[in-house]
């Protein structure tokens, strides 16, 4: 099972995001748990990002909100990069 790593910058972004969207906290927790158990589960809608976000992946909290992540395969880790709406994450 991969380890989920919360960077300082991600924690700051998540705090701001959840001040705006406290209603998504439960769904967010379920998303992270599923990501830890099975990162390729279809309900996460995991996909590789392109362009300036090349090398990162995205999973869905809901149809409107995403978490961008970076996989470090060697260390079997998932580093959380950003959380927000589709437009916020893909800026």
PDB file of N, CA and C in Angstrom:
ATOM      1  N   UNK A   1       0.854  -1.181   0.000  1.00  0.00           N
ATOM      2  CA  UNK A   1       0.000   0.000   0.000  1.00  0.00           C
ATOM      3  C   UNK A   1       0.895   1.237   0.000  1.00  0.00           C
ATOM      4  N   UNK A   2       0.665   2.193  -0.924  1.00  0.00           N
ATOM      5  CA  UNK A   2       1.513   3.384  -0.981  1.00  0.00           C
ATOM      6  C   UNK A   2       1.287   4.310   0.215  1.00  0.00           C
ATOM      7  N   UNK A   3       2.325   5.023   0.537  1.00  0.00           N
ATOM      8  CA  UNK A   3       2.254   6.021   1.611  1.00  0.00           C
ATOM      9  C   UNK A   3       1.826   7.355   1.002  1.00  0.00           C
ATOM     10  N   UNK A   4       0.897   8.036   1.633  1.00  0.00           N
ATOM     11  CA  UNK A   4       0.488   9.368   1.184  1.00  0.00           C
ATOM     12  C   UNK A   4       1.290  10.398   1.963  1.00  0.00           C
ATOM     13  N   UNK A   5       1.928  11.301   1.229  1.00  0.00           N
ATOM     14  CA  UNK A   5       2.778  12.325   1.834  1.00  0.00           C
ATOM     15  C   UNK A   5       2.108  13.686   1.663  1.00  0.00           C
ATOM     16  N   UNK A   6       1.961  14.386   2.776  1.00  0.00           N
ATOM     17  CA  UNK A   6       1.357  15.717   2.807  1.00  0.00           C
ATOM     18  C   UNK A   6       2.469  16.743   2.954  1.00  0.00           C
ATOM     19  N   UNK A   7       2.783  17.494   1.892  1.00  0.00           N
ATOM     20  CA  UNK A   7       3.812  18.522   1.979  1.00  0.00           C
ATOM     21  C   UNK A   7       3.242  19.746   2.701  1.00  0.00           C
ATOM     22  N   UNK A   8       4.127  20.591   3.186  1.00  0.00           N
ATOM     23  CA  UNK A   8       3.676  21.818   3.863  1.00  0.00           C
ATOM     24  C   UNK A   8       2.833  22.677   2.937  1.00  0.00           C
ATOM     25  N   UNK A   9       3.273  22.826   1.691  1.00  0.00           N
ATOM     26  CA  UNK A   9       2.519  23.676   0.757  1.00  0.00           C
ATOM     27  C   UNK A   9       1.144  23.069   0.467  1.00  0.00           C
ATOM     28  N   UNK A  10       1.055  21.740   0.397  1.00  0.00           N
ATOM     29  CA  UNK A  10      -0.246  21.108   0.177  1.00  0.00           C
ATOM     30  C   UNK A  10      -1.162  21.345   1.374  1.00  0.00           C
ATOM     31  N   UNK A  11      -0.652  21.210   2.566  1.00  0.00           N
ATOM     32  CA  UNK A  11      -1.461  21.403   3.777  1.00  0.00           C
ATOM     33  C   UNK A  11      -2.035  22.819   3.801  1.00  0.00           C
ATOM     34  N   UNK A  12      -1.222  23.810   3.430  1.00  0.00           N
ATOM     35  CA  UNK A  12      -1.706  25.199   3.377  1.00  0.00           C
ATOM     36  C   UNK A  12      -2.840  25.338   2.362  1.00  0.00           C
ATOM     37  N   UNK A  13      -2.651  24.747   1.171  1.00  0.00           N
ATOM     38  CA  UNK A  13      -3.681  24.817   0.130  1.00  0.00           C
ATOM     39  C   UNK A  13      -4.952  24.109   0.582  1.00  0.00           C
ATOM     40  N   UNK A  14      -4.804  22.970   1.236  1.00  0.00           N
ATOM     41  CA  UNK A  14      -5.963  22.205   1.700  1.00  0.00           C
ATOM     42  C   UNK A  14      -6.747  22.984   2.764  1.00  0.00           C
ATOM     43  N   UNK A  15      -6.044  23.657   3.675  1.00  0.00           N
ATOM     44  CA  UNK A  15      -6.725  24.450   4.707  1.00  0.00           C
ATOM     45  C   UNK A  15      -7.576  25.545   4.072  1.00  0.00           C
ATOM     46  N   UNK A  16      -7.018  26.226   3.090  1.00  0.00           N
ATOM     47  CA  UNK A  16      -7.759  27.291   2.392  1.00  0.00           C
ATOM     48  C   UNK A  16      -8.958  26.684   1.665  1.00  0.00           C
ATOM     49  N   UNK A  17      -8.735  25.564   0.979  1.00  0.00           N
ATOM     50  CA  UNK A  17      -9.800  24.904   0.235  1.00  0.00           C
ATOM     51  C   UNK A  17     -10.946  24.502   1.157  1.00  0.00           C
ATOM     52  N   UNK A  18     -10.638  23.924   2.330  1.00  0.00           N
ATOM     53  CA  UNK A  18     -11.694  23.446   3.212  1.00  0.00           C
ATOM     54  C   UNK A  18     -12.364  24.548   4.013  1.00  0.00           C
ATOM     55  N   UNK A  19     -11.760  25.720   4.109  1.00  0.00           N
ATOM     56  CA  UNK A  19     -12.481  26.859   4.673  1.00  0.00           C
ATOM     57  C   UNK A  19     -13.616  27.260   3.730  1.00  0.00           C
ATOM     58  N   UNK A  20     -13.355  27.140   2.421  1.00  0.00           N
ATOM     59  CA  UNK A  20     -14.358  27.476   1.411  1.00  0.00           C
ATOM     60  C   UNK A  20     -15.370  26.349   1.203  1.00  0.00           C
ATOM     61  N   UNK A  21     -14.918  25.092   1.401  1.00  0.00           N
ATOM     62  CA  UNK A  21     -15.752  23.930   1.068  1.00  0.00           C
ATOM     63  C   UNK A  21     -15.777  22.897   2.192  1.00  0.00           C
ATOM     64  N   UNK A  22     -16.234  23.260   3.381  1.00  0.00           N
ATOM     65  CA  UNK A  22     -16.238  22.294   4.485  1.00  0.00           C
ATOM     66  C   UNK A  22     -17.135  21.086   4.208  1.00  0.00           C
ATOM     67  N   UNK A  23     -18.097  21.253   3.330  1.00  0.00           N
ATOM     68  CA  UNK A  23     -19.006  20.167   2.978  1.00  0.00           C
ATOM     69  C   UNK A  23     -18.317  19.021   2.226  1.00  0.00           C
ATOM     70  N   UNK A  24     -17.126  19.259   1.698  1.00  0.00           N
ATOM     71  CA  UNK A  24     -16.405  18.229   0.945  1.00  0.00           C
ATOM     72  C   UNK A  24     -15.422  17.432   1.791  1.00  0.00           C
ATOM     73  N   UNK A  25     -15.293  17.777   3.062  1.00  0.00           N
ATOM     74  CA  UNK A  25     -14.291  17.134   3.916  1.00  0.00           C
ATOM     75  C   UNK A  25     -14.487  15.621   4.020  1.00  0.00           C
ATOM     76  N   UNK A  26     -15.711  15.174   4.199  1.00  0.00           N
ATOM     77  CA  UNK A  26     -15.973  13.736   4.320  1.00  0.00           C
ATOM     78  C   UNK A  26     -15.648  13.011   3.008  1.00  0.00           C
ATOM     79  N   UNK A  27     -16.095  13.582   1.912  1.00  0.00           N
ATOM     80  CA  UNK A  27     -15.821  12.986   0.598  1.00  0.00           C
ATOM     81  C   UNK A  27     -14.313  12.964   0.309  1.00  0.00           C
ATOM     82  N   UNK A  28     -13.619  14.021   0.703  1.00  0.00           N
ATOM     83  CA  UNK A  28     -12.167  14.117   0.556  1.00  0.00           C
ATOM     84  C   UNK A  28     -11.482  12.987   1.327  1.00  0.00           C
ATOM     85  N   UNK A  29     -11.911  12.751   2.556  1.00  0.00           N
ATOM     86  CA  UNK A  29     -11.338  11.676   3.368  1.00  0.00           C
ATOM     87  C   UNK A  29     -11.524  10.317   2.713  1.00  0.00           C
ATOM     88  N   UNK A  30     -12.700  10.086   2.152  1.00  0.00           N
ATOM     89  CA  UNK A  30     -12.963   8.828   1.447  1.00  0.00           C
ATOM     90  C   UNK A  30     -12.078   8.698   0.213  1.00  0.00           C
ATOM     91  N   UNK A  31     -11.880   9.805  -0.492  1.00  0.00           N
ATOM     92  CA  UNK A  31     -11.028   9.793  -1.685  1.00  0.00           C
ATOM     93  C   UNK A  31      -9.600   9.422  -1.318  1.00  0.00           C
ATOM     94  N   UNK A  32      -9.078  10.025  -0.261  1.00  0.00           N
ATOM     95  CA  UNK A  32      -7.702   9.726   0.149  1.00  0.00           C
ATOM     96  C   UNK A  32      -7.553   8.282   0.619  1.00  0.00           C
ATOM     97  N   UNK A  33      -8.529   7.783   1.330  1.00  0.00           N
ATOM     98  CA  UNK A  33      -8.484   6.396   1.803  1.00  0.00           C
ATOM     99  C   UNK A  33      -8.467   5.433   0.618  1.00  0.00           C
ATOM    100  N   UNK A  34      -9.328   5.691  -0.358  1.00  0.00           N
ATOM    101  CA  UNK A  34      -9.368   4.854  -1.545  1.00  0.00           C
ATOM    102  C   UNK A  34      -8.068   4.967  -2.337  1.00  0.00           C
ATOM    103  N   UNK A  35      -7.514   6.165  -2.422  1.00  0.00           N
ATOM    104  CA  UNK A  35      -6.244   6.384  -3.103  1.00  0.00           C
ATOM    105  C   UNK A  35      -5.137   5.553  -2.464  1.00  0.00           C
ATOM    106  N   UNK A  36      -5.161   5.484  -1.149  1.00  0.00           N
ATOM    107  CA  UNK A  36      -4.159   4.716  -0.410  1.00  0.00           C
ATOM    108  C   UNK A  36      -4.347   3.205  -0.627  1.00  0.00           C
ATOM    109  N   UNK A  37      -5.589   2.762  -0.642  1.00  0.00           N
ATOM    110  CA  UNK A  37      -5.885   1.333  -0.790  1.00  0.00           C
ATOM    111  C   UNK A  37      -5.694   0.866  -2.233  1.00  0.00           C
ATOM    112  N   UNK A  38      -6.233   1.657  -3.187  1.00  0.00           N
ATOM    113  CA  UNK A  38      -6.195   1.257  -4.592  1.00  0.00           C
ATOM    114  C   UNK A  38      -6.157   2.502  -5.482  1.00  0.00           C
ATOM    115  N   UNK A  39      -4.958   3.031  -5.775  1.00  0.00           N
ATOM    116  CA  UNK A  39      -4.854   4.263  -6.566  1.00  0.00           C
ATOM    117  C   UNK A  39      -5.488   4.184  -7.953  1.00  0.00           C
ATOM    118  N   UNK A  40      -5.699   2.992  -8.471  1.00  0.00           N
ATOM    119  CA  UNK A  40      -6.278   2.876  -9.813  1.00  0.00           C
ATOM    120  C   UNK A  40      -7.771   2.559  -9.795  1.00  0.00           C
ATOM    121  N   UNK A  41      -8.422   2.694  -8.652  1.00  0.00           N
ATOM    122  CA  UNK A  41      -9.861   2.418  -8.562  1.00  0.00           C
ATOM    123  C   UNK A  41     -10.603   3.345  -9.529  1.00  0.00           C
ATOM    124  N   UNK A  42     -11.519   2.801 -10.321  1.00  0.00           N
ATOM    125  CA  UNK A  42     -12.221   3.611 -11.334  1.00  0.00           C
ATOM    126  C   UNK A  42     -12.933   4.858 -10.789  1.00  0.00           C
ATOM    127  N   UNK A  43     -13.449   4.804  -9.580  1.00  0.00           N
ATOM    128  CA  UNK A  43     -14.187   5.968  -9.063  1.00  0.00           C
ATOM    129  C   UNK A  43     -13.280   7.171  -8.802  1.00  0.00           C
ATOM    130  N   UNK A  44     -11.973   6.962  -8.720  1.00  0.00           N
ATOM    131  CA  UNK A  44     -11.042   8.082  -8.539  1.00  0.00           C
ATOM    132  C   UNK A  44     -10.811   8.848  -9.841  1.00  0.00           C
ATOM    133  N   UNK A  45     -11.095   8.215 -10.954  1.00  0.00           N
ATOM    134  CA  UNK A  45     -10.865   8.809 -12.272  1.00  0.00           C
ATOM    135  C   UNK A  45      -9.430   9.324 -12.416  1.00  0.00           C
ATOM    136  N   UNK A  46      -8.496   8.496 -11.994  1.00  0.00           N
ATOM    137  CA  UNK A  46      -7.072   8.829 -12.080  1.00  0.00           C
ATOM    138  C   UNK A  46      -6.679   9.043 -13.532  1.00  0.00           C
ATOM    139  N   UNK A  47      -6.008  10.148 -13.797  1.00  0.00           N
ATOM    140  CA  UNK A  47      -5.492  10.377 -15.143  1.00  0.00           C
ATOM    141  C   UNK A  47      -4.234  11.232 -15.090  1.00  0.00           C
ATOM    142  N   UNK A  48      -3.390  11.000 -16.091  1.00  0.00           N
ATOM    143  CA  UNK A  48      -2.124  11.731 -16.225  1.00  0.00           C
ATOM    144  C   UNK A  48      -2.409  13.121 -16.773  1.00  0.00           C
ATOM    145  N   UNK A  49      -1.716  14.116 -16.237  1.00  0.00           N
ATOM    146  CA  UNK A  49      -1.874  15.489 -16.705  1.00  0.00           C
ATOM    147  C   UNK A  49      -0.857  15.786 -17.800  1.00  0.00           C
ATOM    148  N   UNK A  50      -1.156  16.784 -18.606  1.00  0.00           N
ATOM    149  CA  UNK A  50      -0.294  17.156 -19.720  1.00  0.00           C
ATOM    150  C   UNK A  50       0.111  18.611 -19.597  1.00  0.00           C
ATOM    151  N   UNK A  51       0.910  19.057 -20.536  1.00  0.00           N
ATOM    152  CA  UNK A  51       1.337  20.453 -20.578  1.00  0.00           C
ATOM    153  C   UNK A  51       2.239  20.802 -19.412  1.00  0.00           C
ATOM    154  N   UNK A  52       1.974  21.941 -18.790  1.00  0.00           N
ATOM    155  CA  UNK A  52       2.839  22.385 -17.696  1.00  0.00           C
ATOM    156  C   UNK A  52       2.731  21.497 -16.459  1.00  0.00           C
ATOM    157  N   UNK A  53       1.719  20.632 -16.415  1.00  0.00           N
ATOM    158  CA  UNK A  53       1.545  19.713 -15.291  1.00  0.00           C
ATOM    159  C   UNK A  53       2.005  18.298 -15.633  1.00  0.00           C
ATOM    160  N   UNK A  54       2.740  18.168 -16.730  1.00  0.00           N
ATOM    161  CA  UNK A  54       3.219  16.857 -17.147  1.00  0.00           C
ATOM    162  C   UNK A  54       4.018  16.205 -16.012  1.00  0.00           C
ATOM    163  N   UNK A  55       3.792  14.933 -15.809  1.00  0.00           N
ATOM    164  CA  UNK A  55       4.453  14.212 -14.727  1.00  0.00           C
ATOM    165  C   UNK A  55       3.584  14.085 -13.493  1.00  0.00           C
ATOM    166  N   UNK A  56       2.474  14.839 -13.465  1.00  0.00           N
ATOM    167  CA  UNK A  56       1.533  14.753 -12.355  1.00  0.00           C
ATOM    168  C   UNK A  56       0.289  13.993 -12.796  1.00  0.00           C
ATOM    169  N   UNK A  57      -0.486  13.588 -11.827  1.00  0.00           N
ATOM    170  CA  UNK A  57      -1.752  12.913 -12.076  1.00  0.00           C
ATOM    171  C   UNK A  57      -2.836  13.655 -11.308  1.00  0.00           C
ATOM    172  N   UNK A  58      -4.067  13.353 -11.637  1.00  0.00           N
ATOM    173  CA  UNK A  58      -5.189  13.949 -10.939  1.00  0.00           C
ATOM    174  C   UNK A  58      -6.179  12.861 -10.559  1.00  0.00           C
ATOM    175  N   UNK A  59      -6.779  13.009  -9.389  1.00  0.00           N
ATOM    176  CA  UNK A  59      -7.894  12.160  -8.984  1.00  0.00           C
ATOM    177  C   UNK A  59      -9.037  13.090  -8.614  1.00  0.00           C
ATOM    178  N   UNK A  60     -10.238  12.564  -8.698  1.00  0.00           N
ATOM    179  CA  UNK A  60     -11.429  13.378  -8.455  1.00  0.00           C
ATOM    180  C   UNK A  60     -11.968  13.178  -7.047  1.00  0.00           C
ATOM    181  N   UNK A  61     -12.293  14.295  -6.402  1.00  0.00           N
ATOM    182  CA  UNK A  61     -13.056  14.266  -5.155  1.00  0.00           C
ATOM    183  C   UNK A  61     -14.532  14.206  -5.538  1.00  0.00           C
ATOM    184  N   UNK A  62     -14.881  14.997  -6.548  1.00  0.00           N
ATOM    185  CA  UNK A  62     -16.226  15.030  -7.115  1.00  0.00           C
ATOM    186  C   UNK A  62     -16.060  15.431  -8.575  1.00  0.00           C
ATOM    187  N   UNK A  63     -17.137  15.639  -9.266  1.00  0.00           N
ATOM    188  CA  UNK A  63     -17.033  16.044 -10.670  1.00  0.00           C
ATOM    189  C   UNK A  63     -16.387  17.428 -10.815  1.00  0.00           C
ATOM    190  N   UNK A  64     -16.502  18.268  -9.792  1.00  0.00           N
ATOM    191  CA  UNK A  64     -15.962  19.623  -9.876  1.00  0.00           C
ATOM    192  C   UNK A  64     -14.629  19.826  -9.177  1.00  0.00           C
ATOM    193  N   UNK A  65     -14.246  18.925  -8.279  1.00  0.00           N
ATOM    194  CA  UNK A  65     -13.052  19.140  -7.465  1.00  0.00           C
ATOM    195  C   UNK A  65     -12.060  18.008  -7.625  1.00  0.00           C
ATOM    196  N   UNK A  66     -10.780  18.394  -7.665  1.00  0.00           N
ATOM    197  CA  UNK A  66      -9.691  17.464  -7.941  1.00  0.00           C
ATOM    198  C   UNK A  66      -8.581  17.593  -6.900  1.00  0.00           C
ATOM    199  N   UNK A  67      -7.768  16.545  -6.862  1.00  0.00           N
ATOM    200  CA  UNK A  67      -6.500  16.583  -6.134  1.00  0.00           C
ATOM    201  C   UNK A  67      -5.438  16.230  -7.163  1.00  0.00           C
ATOM    202  N   UNK A  68      -4.437  17.086  -7.332  1.00  0.00           N
ATOM    203  CA  UNK A  68      -3.337  16.703  -8.212  1.00  0.00           C
ATOM    204  C   UNK A  68      -2.284  16.027  -7.344  1.00  0.00           C
ATOM    205  N   UNK A  69      -1.684  14.984  -7.890  1.00  0.00           N
ATOM    206  CA  UNK A  69      -0.751  14.179  -7.121  1.00  0.00           C
ATOM    207  C   UNK A  69       0.470  13.841  -7.961  1.00  0.00           C
ATOM    208  N   UNK A  70       1.529  13.489  -7.281  1.00  0.00           N
ATOM    209  CA  UNK A  70       2.732  13.017  -7.947  1.00  0.00           C
ATOM    210  C   UNK A  70       3.052  11.644  -7.379  1.00  0.00           C
ATOM    211  N   UNK A  71       3.264  10.706  -8.248  1.00  0.00           N
ATOM    212  CA  UNK A  71       3.652   9.372  -7.805  1.00  0.00           C
ATOM    213  C   UNK A  71       5.161   9.254  -7.834  1.00  0.00           C
ATOM    214  N   UNK A  72       5.736   8.762  -6.782  1.00  0.00           N
ATOM    215  CA  UNK A  72       7.147   8.418  -6.766  1.00  0.00           C
ATOM    216  C   UNK A  72       7.192   6.909  -6.636  1.00  0.00           C
ATOM    217  N   UNK A  73       7.381   6.272  -7.755  1.00  0.00           N
ATOM    218  CA  UNK A  73       7.270   4.824  -7.819  1.00  0.00           C
ATOM    219  C   UNK A  73       8.353   4.133  -6.999  1.00  0.00           C
ATOM    220  N   UNK A  74       9.566   4.628  -7.050  1.00  0.00           N
ATOM    221  CA  UNK A  74      10.666   3.980  -6.336  1.00  0.00           C
ATOM    222  C   UNK A  74      10.387   3.859  -4.848  1.00  0.00           C
ATOM    223  N   UNK A  75       9.804   4.885  -4.301  1.00  0.00           N
ATOM    224  CA  UNK A  75       9.575   4.911  -2.856  1.00  0.00           C
ATOM    225  C   UNK A  75       8.161   4.472  -2.499  1.00  0.00           C
ATOM    226  N   UNK A  76       7.380   4.083  -3.511  1.00  0.00           N
ATOM    227  CA  UNK A  76       6.001   3.659  -3.291  1.00  0.00           C
ATOM    228  C   UNK A  76       5.236   4.711  -2.487  1.00  0.00           C
ATOM    229  N   UNK A  77       5.335   5.945  -2.963  1.00  0.00           N
ATOM    230  CA  UNK A  77       4.715   7.081  -2.272  1.00  0.00           C
ATOM    231  C   UNK A  77       3.816   7.853  -3.216  1.00  0.00           C
ATOM    232  N   UNK A  78       2.845   8.513  -2.644  1.00  0.00           N
ATOM    233  CA  UNK A  78       1.992   9.448  -3.363  1.00  0.00           C
ATOM    234  C   UNK A  78       2.145  10.786  -2.649  1.00  0.00           C
ATOM    235  N   UNK A  79       2.670  11.771  -3.366  1.00  0.00           N
ATOM    236  CA  UNK A  79       2.858  13.102  -2.795  1.00  0.00           C
ATOM    237  C   UNK A  79       1.715  13.983  -3.275  1.00  0.00           C
ATOM    238  N   UNK A  80       0.956  14.533  -2.351  1.00  0.00           N
ATOM    239  CA  UNK A  80      -0.154  15.416  -2.693  1.00  0.00           C
ATOM    240  C   UNK A  80       0.398  16.792  -3.040  1.00  0.00           C
ATOM    241  N   UNK A  81      -0.060  17.337  -4.168  1.00  0.00           N
ATOM    242  CA  UNK A  81       0.463  18.604  -4.674  1.00  0.00           C
ATOM    243  C   UNK A  81      -0.542  19.738  -4.518  1.00  0.00           C
ATOM    244  N   UNK A  82      -1.794  19.500  -4.912  1.00  0.00           N
ATOM    245  CA  UNK A  82      -2.770  20.581  -4.934  1.00  0.00           C
ATOM    246  C   UNK A  82      -4.170  20.004  -4.765  1.00  0.00           C
ATOM    247  N   UNK A  83      -5.073  20.818  -4.292  1.00  0.00           N
ATOM    248  CA  UNK A  83      -6.488  20.442  -4.183  1.00  0.00           C
ATOM    249  C   UNK A  83      -7.306  21.664  -4.559  1.00  0.00           C
ATOM    250  N   UNK A  84      -8.372  21.453  -5.317  1.00  0.00           N
ATOM    251  CA  UNK A  84      -9.213  22.578  -5.693  1.00  0.00           C
ATOM    252  C   UNK A  84     -10.166  22.218  -6.800  1.00  0.00           C
ATOM    253  N   UNK A  85     -10.809  23.246  -7.323  1.00  0.00           N
ATOM    254  CA  UNK A  85     -11.721  23.027  -8.444  1.00  0.00           C
ATOM    255  C   UNK A  85     -10.905  22.635  -9.664  1.00  0.00           C
ATOM    256  N   UNK A  86     -11.582  22.160 -10.674  1.00  0.00           N
ATOM    257  CA  UNK A  86     -10.925  21.774 -11.916  1.00  0.00           C
ATOM    258  C   UNK A  86     -10.032  22.909 -12.415  1.00  0.00           C
ATOM    259  N   UNK A  87     -10.567  24.117 -12.487  1.00  0.00           N
ATOM    260  CA  UNK A  87      -9.795  25.269 -12.991  1.00  0.00           C
ATOM    261  C   UNK A  87      -8.633  25.627 -12.075  1.00  0.00           C
ATOM    262  N   UNK A  88      -8.820  25.541 -10.771  1.00  0.00           N
ATOM    263  CA  UNK A  88      -7.754  25.889  -9.818  1.00  0.00           C
ATOM    264  C   UNK A  88      -6.591  24.905  -9.906  1.00  0.00           C
ATOM    265  N   UNK A  89      -6.890  23.639 -10.017  1.00  0.00           N
ATOM    266  CA  UNK A  89      -5.842  22.631 -10.053  1.00  0.00           C
ATOM    267  C   UNK A  89      -5.077  22.679 -11.371  1.00  0.00           C
ATOM    268  N   UNK A  90      -5.758  22.964 -12.465  1.00  0.00           N
ATOM    269  CA  UNK A  90      -5.124  22.912 -13.777  1.00  0.00           C
ATOM    270  C   UNK A  90      -4.582  24.248 -14.253  1.00  0.00           C
ATOM    271  N   UNK A  91      -4.536  25.246 -13.410  1.00  0.00           N
ATOM    272  CA  UNK A  91      -3.981  26.559 -13.804  1.00  0.00           C
ATOM    273  C   UNK A  91      -2.563  26.424 -14.240  1.00  0.00           C
TER     274      UNK A  91
END
